[in-house]
Amino acid sequence: MTNIVRLPDITHINFELLRVSGVTNLFTDIESTLAPYGDSQIDPYTAEFLESQRAVGNIATISLITNRRDPAFAKHMAEQLGADAYLCPTSKDHRKPAPHMLHEAARMLGVSISSAVMVGDKLTGDMHAARSAGVPYAVWVDRLGSTDHPGDRYLRRPYERLHKRRYPDRLLIPIG
């Protein structure tokens, strides 16, 4: 079962508490989670926060996991963070919410999926991928920036707004 918490952004995550629970490997979406949609620069405050969490040992590895089929983009973003891995789908069957890329990240880094937390801005992609992969904790963050992919704006976001109204306390019932 995956326990999902909803927070404003990645900088609100208590990585020290996760580390004490044995969770030190960060799997994270890129667009609208680390950088606004369409931007090729990681939000500076987010980058500084993640760097500080690595420096004190709360984060051991960082894997960027995106549905965008652009390895050059993912590599560029990974280099900005000093991420240990970045993954893009090799086929549409490997796109989130399928668990493939999360399992592949764990395999590449030699870590257990049970020691990971997944962070993303999409309930129907990122959070369901975490659940499908067996990641114990997931953090559903608010979208970073004001622009959005058309498919997300018209299909996913309306569903997510309904879900947020149903669970207004920002702590979600596990989806599993």
Protein backbone atom coordinates (compact mmCIF):
# COMPACT_ATOMS: atom_id res chain seq x y z
CA MET A 1 0.00 0.00 0.00
CA THR A 2 1.23 3.48 -0.84
CA ASN A 3 0.62 6.26 1.66
CA ILE A 4 0.06 9.54 -0.15
CA VAL A 5 0.41 12.99 1.35
CA ARG A 6 -0.48 16.19 -0.48
CA LEU A 7 1.87 19.16 0.08
CA PRO A 8 2.37 22.53 -1.62
CA ASP A 9 5.77 21.60 -3.10
CA ILE A 10 8.81 19.39 -2.66
CA THR A 11 10.43 21.80 -0.18
CA HIS A 12 7.70 20.97 2.36
CA ILE A 13 8.76 17.32 2.60
CA ASN A 14 10.38 16.28 5.86
CA PHE A 15 13.19 14.16 4.42
CA GLU A 16 14.71 13.69 7.88
CA LEU A 17 11.55 11.90 9.03
CA LEU A 18 11.60 9.75 5.89
CA ARG A 19 15.29 8.89 6.48
CA VAL A 20 14.50 7.73 10.02
CA SER A 21 11.86 5.45 8.43
CA GLY A 22 14.47 3.99 6.05
CA VAL A 23 13.38 6.04 3.03
CA THR A 24 16.37 7.82 1.48
CA ASN A 25 15.88 7.44 -2.27
CA LEU A 26 13.97 10.19 -4.07
CA PHE A 27 12.08 9.38 -7.26
CA THR A 28 10.61 12.56 -8.70
CA ASP A 29 8.78 13.83 -11.73
CA ILE A 30 10.36 16.80 -13.52
CA GLU A 31 7.84 19.04 -15.26
CA SER A 32 5.52 20.96 -12.94
CA THR A 33 7.26 19.31 -9.95
CA LEU A 34 10.87 20.53 -10.15
CA ALA A 35 10.39 23.16 -12.86
CA PRO A 36 7.35 24.88 -14.39
CA TYR A 37 5.95 23.11 -17.46
CA GLY A 38 7.95 24.04 -20.55
CA ASP A 39 10.89 25.41 -18.55
CA SER A 40 14.34 23.87 -18.83
CA GLN A 41 15.68 25.17 -15.52
CA ILE A 42 15.09 23.58 -12.13
CA ASP A 43 13.46 26.01 -9.71
CA PRO A 44 16.48 27.48 -7.83
CA TYR A 45 14.86 27.25 -4.40
CA THR A 46 13.97 23.60 -5.04
CA ALA A 47 17.51 22.79 -6.21
CA GLU A 48 19.01 24.45 -3.13
CA PHE A 49 16.63 22.58 -0.82
CA LEU A 50 17.40 19.18 -2.36
CA GLU A 51 21.13 19.88 -2.27
CA SER A 52 20.89 20.70 1.45
CA GLN A 53 18.97 17.48 2.12
CA ARG A 54 21.65 15.44 0.33
CA ALA A 55 24.42 17.25 2.21
CA VAL A 56 23.02 16.20 5.60
CA GLY A 57 22.37 12.61 4.46
CA ASN A 58 18.57 12.71 4.29
CA ILE A 59 18.60 11.89 0.56
CA ALA A 60 20.98 9.20 -0.73
CA THR A 61 19.94 9.11 -4.40
CA ILE A 62 17.81 11.20 -6.74
CA SER A 63 16.13 9.73 -9.82
CA LEU A 64 14.26 11.94 -12.28
CA ILE A 65 11.36 10.08 -13.86
CA THR A 66 9.46 11.80 -16.65
CA ASN A 67 6.84 10.84 -19.22
CA ARG A 68 8.46 13.25 -21.66
CA ARG A 69 10.20 11.31 -24.44
CA ASP A 70 13.21 13.58 -24.58
CA PRO A 71 16.37 12.08 -23.04
CA ALA A 72 18.37 15.26 -23.75
CA PHE A 73 15.88 17.29 -21.68
CA ALA A 74 15.95 14.77 -18.83
CA LYS A 75 19.74 14.64 -18.87
CA HIS A 76 19.95 18.45 -18.80
CA MET A 77 17.63 18.57 -15.78
CA ALA A 78 19.49 15.74 -14.04
CA GLU A 79 22.81 17.53 -14.48
CA GLN A 80 21.40 20.62 -12.77
CA LEU A 81 20.59 18.57 -9.66
CA GLY A 82 23.44 16.13 -9.78
CA ALA A 83 20.80 13.40 -10.01
CA ASP A 84 21.98 9.80 -9.95
CA ALA A 85 19.61 8.66 -12.70
CA TYR A 86 17.06 9.96 -15.16
CA LEU A 87 14.47 7.91 -17.02
CA CYS A 88 12.21 8.57 -19.99
CA PRO A 89 9.70 6.10 -21.40
CA THR A 90 11.01 3.85 -24.15
CA SER A 91 7.46 3.06 -25.28
CA LYS A 92 4.00 4.35 -24.43
CA ASP A 93 3.48 1.23 -22.29
CA HIS A 94 6.31 2.42 -20.03
CA ARG A 95 4.77 5.83 -19.31
CA LYS A 96 3.54 6.56 -15.80
CA PRO A 97 1.24 5.30 -14.26
CA ALA A 98 2.97 2.07 -15.34
CA PRO A 99 5.57 1.13 -12.71
CA HIS A 100 8.33 0.28 -15.21
CA MET A 101 10.47 3.41 -14.84
CA LEU A 102 10.34 3.31 -11.04
CA HIS A 103 11.45 -0.33 -10.99
CA GLU A 104 14.18 0.48 -13.51
CA ALA A 105 15.45 3.38 -11.38
CA ALA A 106 15.68 1.12 -8.32
CA ARG A 107 17.47 -1.55 -10.36
CA MET A 108 19.94 0.92 -11.90
CA LEU A 109 20.86 2.34 -8.50
CA GLY A 110 20.84 -0.98 -6.64
CA VAL A 111 18.25 0.22 -4.12
CA SER A 112 15.06 -1.32 -2.83
CA ILE A 113 11.75 0.14 -3.98
CA SER A 114 10.74 0.07 -0.30
CA SER A 115 13.41 2.71 0.43
CA ALA A 116 11.98 5.23 -2.06
CA VAL A 117 9.54 8.12 -2.00
CA MET A 118 7.86 9.28 -5.23
CA VAL A 119 7.10 12.97 -5.70
CA GLY A 120 4.95 14.36 -8.49
CA ASP A 121 2.20 16.76 -9.44
CA LYS A 122 -0.21 14.27 -11.05
CA LEU A 123 -2.48 11.97 -9.11
CA THR A 124 -3.32 9.91 -12.19
CA GLY A 125 0.29 9.50 -13.31
CA ASP A 126 2.84 9.96 -10.56
CA MET A 127 0.84 8.74 -7.56
CA HIS A 128 -0.62 5.77 -9.39
CA ALA A 129 2.86 4.83 -10.65
CA ALA A 130 4.09 4.86 -7.04
CA ARG A 131 1.22 2.61 -5.99
CA SER A 132 1.75 0.23 -8.93
CA ALA A 133 5.48 -0.01 -8.20
CA GLY A 134 5.00 -0.64 -4.48
CA VAL A 135 6.68 2.58 -3.33
CA PRO A 136 5.68 3.01 0.34
CA TYR A 137 5.37 6.81 0.36
CA ALA A 138 4.33 9.31 -2.28
CA VAL A 139 3.95 13.06 -2.13
CA TRP A 140 1.44 14.73 -4.43
CA VAL A 141 2.58 18.33 -4.83
CA ASP A 142 0.78 21.30 -6.30
CA ARG A 143 1.74 22.13 -9.87
CA LEU A 144 4.78 24.41 -10.08
CA GLY A 145 4.02 27.32 -12.41
CA SER A 146 0.83 28.40 -14.13
CA THR A 147 1.05 26.65 -17.51
CA ASP A 148 0.13 23.04 -18.08
CA HIS A 149 0.19 20.37 -20.78
CA PRO A 150 -3.19 20.50 -22.64
CA GLY A 151 -3.97 16.86 -21.77
CA ASP A 152 -3.37 17.59 -18.11
CA ARG A 153 -5.35 20.82 -18.16
CA TYR A 154 -8.46 19.30 -19.74
CA LEU A 155 -8.38 15.70 -18.51
CA ARG A 156 -6.33 15.23 -15.34
CA ARG A 157 -6.69 18.52 -13.48
CA PRO A 158 -10.53 18.48 -13.32
CA TYR A 159 -10.39 14.98 -11.78
CA GLU A 160 -7.72 16.12 -9.34
CA ARG A 161 -9.78 19.17 -8.28
CA LEU A 162 -12.66 16.84 -7.40
CA HIS A 163 -10.30 14.64 -5.40
CA LYS A 164 -8.87 17.65 -3.54
CA ARG A 165 -12.40 18.79 -2.61
CA ARG A 166 -13.20 15.33 -1.30
CA TYR A 167 -10.05 15.30 0.86
CA PRO A 168 -9.58 18.96 1.83
CA ASP A 169 -7.32 18.24 4.82
CA ARG A 170 -4.44 17.59 2.37
CA LEU A 171 -3.77 14.14 3.84
CA LEU A 172 -5.05 11.47 1.51
CA ILE A 173 -6.39 8.01 2.05
CA PRO A 174 -4.00 5.48 0.49
CA ILE A 175 -4.94 4.59 -3.11
CA GLY A 176 -4.25 0.92 -3.18
